[in-house]
Amino acid sequence: MKTYLEDYITMLRVEKNLSPNSISAYKGDLKRYLDFL
């Protein structure tokens, strides 16, 4: 599952061109969600 998360974060950075703060927020939220699962 971690590979999918890293791939998604890379896509947000490269294809969506999100700001570093947005990427950090997405990453933190998704990691907490995956820990919950």
N, C-alpha and C. Protein backbone atom coordinates (compact mmCIF):
# COMPACT_ATOMS: atom_id res chain seq x y z
N MET A 1 0.83 -1.19 0.00
CA MET A 1 0.00 0.00 0.00
C MET A 1 0.87 1.25 0.00
N LYS A 2 2.04 1.17 0.62
CA LYS A 2 2.91 2.33 0.69
C LYS A 2 3.37 2.78 -0.70
N THR A 3 3.59 1.82 -1.60
CA THR A 3 4.01 2.16 -2.96
C THR A 3 2.94 2.99 -3.65
N TYR A 4 1.68 2.61 -3.46
CA TYR A 4 0.59 3.36 -4.07
C TYR A 4 0.54 4.79 -3.53
N LEU A 5 0.77 4.93 -2.26
CA LEU A 5 0.77 6.27 -1.65
C LEU A 5 1.88 7.13 -2.25
N GLU A 6 3.08 6.57 -2.34
CA GLU A 6 4.20 7.33 -2.90
C GLU A 6 3.96 7.67 -4.37
N ASP A 7 3.37 6.74 -5.13
CA ASP A 7 3.05 7.01 -6.54
C ASP A 7 2.02 8.13 -6.65
N TYR A 8 1.03 8.12 -5.76
CA TYR A 8 0.00 9.15 -5.78
C TYR A 8 0.59 10.52 -5.43
N ILE A 9 1.46 10.55 -4.44
CA ILE A 9 2.10 11.81 -4.04
C ILE A 9 2.96 12.34 -5.19
N THR A 10 3.66 11.44 -5.87
CA THR A 10 4.47 11.85 -7.02
C THR A 10 3.58 12.43 -8.11
N MET A 11 2.44 11.81 -8.37
CA MET A 11 1.51 12.31 -9.38
C MET A 11 1.00 13.70 -9.00
N LEU A 12 0.70 13.90 -7.72
CA LEU A 12 0.24 15.22 -7.28
C LEU A 12 1.31 16.28 -7.52
N ARG A 13 2.56 15.90 -7.26
CA ARG A 13 3.66 16.84 -7.41
C ARG A 13 3.93 17.14 -8.89
N VAL A 14 3.99 16.10 -9.71
CA VAL A 14 4.42 16.26 -11.11
C VAL A 14 3.27 16.68 -12.03
N GLU A 15 2.17 15.94 -11.98
CA GLU A 15 1.09 16.18 -12.94
C GLU A 15 0.14 17.29 -12.50
N LYS A 16 -0.16 17.34 -11.22
CA LYS A 16 -1.10 18.36 -10.72
C LYS A 16 -0.39 19.63 -10.29
N ASN A 17 0.94 19.56 -10.13
CA ASN A 17 1.75 20.72 -9.77
C ASN A 17 1.24 21.42 -8.50
N LEU A 18 0.92 20.62 -7.49
CA LEU A 18 0.44 21.19 -6.23
C LEU A 18 1.59 21.79 -5.44
N SER A 19 1.25 22.71 -4.57
CA SER A 19 2.26 23.35 -3.73
C SER A 19 2.80 22.36 -2.70
N PRO A 20 4.01 22.59 -2.21
CA PRO A 20 4.58 21.70 -1.19
C PRO A 20 3.69 21.56 0.05
N ASN A 21 3.03 22.63 0.44
CA ASN A 21 2.13 22.55 1.61
C ASN A 21 0.94 21.64 1.34
N SER A 22 0.38 21.72 0.15
CA SER A 22 -0.75 20.85 -0.21
C SER A 22 -0.31 19.39 -0.24
N ILE A 23 0.85 19.14 -0.82
CA ILE A 23 1.37 17.78 -0.90
C ILE A 23 1.60 17.22 0.50
N SER A 24 2.16 18.03 1.37
CA SER A 24 2.40 17.61 2.75
C SER A 24 1.09 17.27 3.45
N ALA A 25 0.07 18.09 3.23
CA ALA A 25 -1.24 17.84 3.84
C ALA A 25 -1.86 16.55 3.32
N TYR A 26 -1.83 16.36 2.01
CA TYR A 26 -2.34 15.12 1.42
C TYR A 26 -1.61 13.92 2.00
N LYS A 27 -0.30 13.99 2.04
CA LYS A 27 0.52 12.87 2.50
C LYS A 27 0.19 12.52 3.95
N GLY A 28 0.11 13.52 4.81
CA GLY A 28 -0.22 13.27 6.21
C GLY A 28 -1.60 12.67 6.39
N ASP A 29 -2.58 13.23 5.69
CA ASP A 29 -3.95 12.72 5.79
C ASP A 29 -4.05 11.28 5.30
N LEU A 30 -3.41 11.00 4.17
CA LEU A 30 -3.48 9.65 3.62
C LEU A 30 -2.75 8.63 4.48
N LYS A 31 -1.63 9.03 5.07
CA LYS A 31 -0.91 8.11 5.96
C LYS A 31 -1.75 7.79 7.19
N ARG A 32 -2.41 8.79 7.76
CA ARG A 32 -3.27 8.54 8.92
C ARG A 32 -4.45 7.63 8.53
N TYR A 33 -5.00 7.84 7.34
CA TYR A 33 -6.11 7.01 6.87
C TYR A 33 -5.65 5.56 6.69
N LEU A 34 -4.48 5.36 6.08
CA LEU A 34 -3.98 4.01 5.89
C LEU A 34 -3.67 3.33 7.22
N ASP A 35 -3.19 4.09 8.18
CA ASP A 35 -2.96 3.52 9.52
C ASP A 35 -4.28 3.08 10.16
N PHE A 36 -5.33 3.84 9.89
CA PHE A 36 -6.65 3.52 10.41
C PHE A 36 -7.17 2.20 9.83
N LEU A 37 -6.89 2.01 8.53
CA LEU A 37 -7.37 0.78 7.88
C LEU A 37 -6.65 -0.40 8.45
